[in-house]
Amino acid sequence: MPDCTNLYFLSTVACQLSECMSGEELEKLTSDLLVLGYMLENITARKKSCEDSR
């Protein structure tokens, strides 16, 4: 399972952040990362759409 290493890494990062950030800071970071993910997903879809239309 090649993706497991990534999951372990992300789990470690999440645990470390939760130990040094307040609940409010974690909520803000979570929201910002979700928005970033949606933006990257949108950019990827638009790029693919442009490539497919060529």
C-alpha atoms as a PDB file:
ATOM      1  CA  MET A   1       0.000   0.000   0.000  1.00  0.00           C
ATOM      2  CA  PRO A   2       2.049   2.942  -1.254  1.00  0.00           C
ATOM      3  CA  ASP A   3      -0.350   5.592   0.092  1.00  0.00           C
ATOM      4  CA  CYS A   4      -0.052   4.497   3.721  1.00  0.00           C
ATOM      5  CA  THR A   5       3.137   6.476   4.265  1.00  0.00           C
ATOM      6  CA  ASN A   6       1.323   9.632   3.299  1.00  0.00           C
ATOM      7  CA  LEU A   7      -1.483   8.818   5.745  1.00  0.00           C
ATOM      8  CA  TYR A   8       0.978   8.237   8.574  1.00  0.00           C
ATOM      9  CA  PHE A   9       2.691  11.518   7.777  1.00  0.00           C
ATOM     10  CA  LEU A  10      -0.590  13.453   7.725  1.00  0.00           C
ATOM     11  CA  SER A  11      -1.696  11.818  10.963  1.00  0.00           C
ATOM     12  CA  THR A  12       1.562  12.847  12.626  1.00  0.00           C
ATOM     13  CA  VAL A  13       1.221  16.421  11.377  1.00  0.00           C
ATOM     14  CA  ALA A  14      -2.366  16.604  12.654  1.00  0.00           C
ATOM     15  CA  CYS A  15      -1.354  15.318  16.084  1.00  0.00           C
ATOM     16  CA  GLN A  16       1.562  17.733  16.330  1.00  0.00           C
ATOM     17  CA  LEU A  17      -0.592  20.705  15.313  1.00  0.00           C
ATOM     18  CA  SER A  18      -3.301  19.759  17.803  1.00  0.00           C
ATOM     19  CA  GLU A  19      -0.731  19.779  20.598  1.00  0.00           C
ATOM     20  CA  CYS A  20       0.513  23.316  19.953  1.00  0.00           C
ATOM     21  CA  MET A  21      -2.563  25.153  18.612  1.00  0.00           C
ATOM     22  CA  SER A  22      -5.752  26.232  20.322  1.00  0.00           C
ATOM     23  CA  GLY A  23      -9.137  24.929  19.214  1.00  0.00           C
ATOM     24  CA  GLU A  24      -9.912  28.252  17.555  1.00  0.00           C
ATOM     25  CA  GLU A  25      -6.609  28.237  15.663  1.00  0.00           C
ATOM     26  CA  LEU A  26      -7.223  24.666  14.521  1.00  0.00           C
ATOM     27  CA  GLU A  27     -10.706  25.583  13.283  1.00  0.00           C
ATOM     28  CA  LYS A  28      -9.307  28.474  11.243  1.00  0.00           C
ATOM     29  CA  LEU A  29      -6.519  26.325   9.818  1.00  0.00           C
ATOM     30  CA  THR A  30      -8.993  23.582   8.951  1.00  0.00           C
ATOM     31  CA  SER A  31     -11.225  26.049   7.107  1.00  0.00           C
ATOM     32  CA  ASP A  32      -8.291  27.565   5.236  1.00  0.00           C
ATOM     33  CA  LEU A  33      -6.983  24.151   4.195  1.00  0.00           C
ATOM     34  CA  LEU A  34     -10.440  23.096   2.986  1.00  0.00           C
ATOM     35  CA  VAL A  35     -10.720  26.242   0.875  1.00  0.00           C
ATOM     36  CA  LEU A  36      -7.227  25.631  -0.507  1.00  0.00           C
ATOM     37  CA  GLY A  37      -8.210  22.068  -1.407  1.00  0.00           C
ATOM     38  CA  TYR A  38     -11.355  23.245  -3.195  1.00  0.00           C
ATOM     39  CA  MET A  39      -9.394  25.903  -5.093  1.00  0.00           C
ATOM     40  CA  LEU A  40      -6.775  23.386  -6.209  1.00  0.00           C
ATOM     41  CA  GLU A  41      -9.520  20.973  -7.255  1.00  0.00           C
ATOM     42  CA  ASN A  42     -11.167  23.737  -9.287  1.00  0.00           C
ATOM     43  CA  ILE A  43      -7.899  24.744 -10.966  1.00  0.00           C
ATOM     44  CA  THR A  44      -7.143  21.117 -11.819  1.00  0.00           C
ATOM     45  CA  ALA A  45     -10.608  20.596 -13.322  1.00  0.00           C
ATOM     46  CA  ARG A  46     -10.318  23.771 -15.409  1.00  0.00           C
ATOM     47  CA  LYS A  47      -6.870  22.796 -16.683  1.00  0.00           C
ATOM     48  CA  LYS A  48      -8.147  19.343 -17.620  1.00  0.00           C
ATOM     49  CA  SER A  49     -11.154  20.861 -19.367  1.00  0.00           C
ATOM     50  CA  CYS A  50      -8.909  23.180 -21.400  1.00  0.00           C
ATOM     51  CA  GLU A  51      -6.596  20.300 -22.322  1.00  0.00           C
ATOM     52  CA  ASP A  52      -9.527  18.103 -23.350  1.00  0.00           C
ATOM     53  CA  SER A  53     -10.972  20.801 -25.615  1.00  0.00           C
ATOM     54  CA  ARG A  54      -7.762  21.080 -27.675  1.00  0.00           C
END
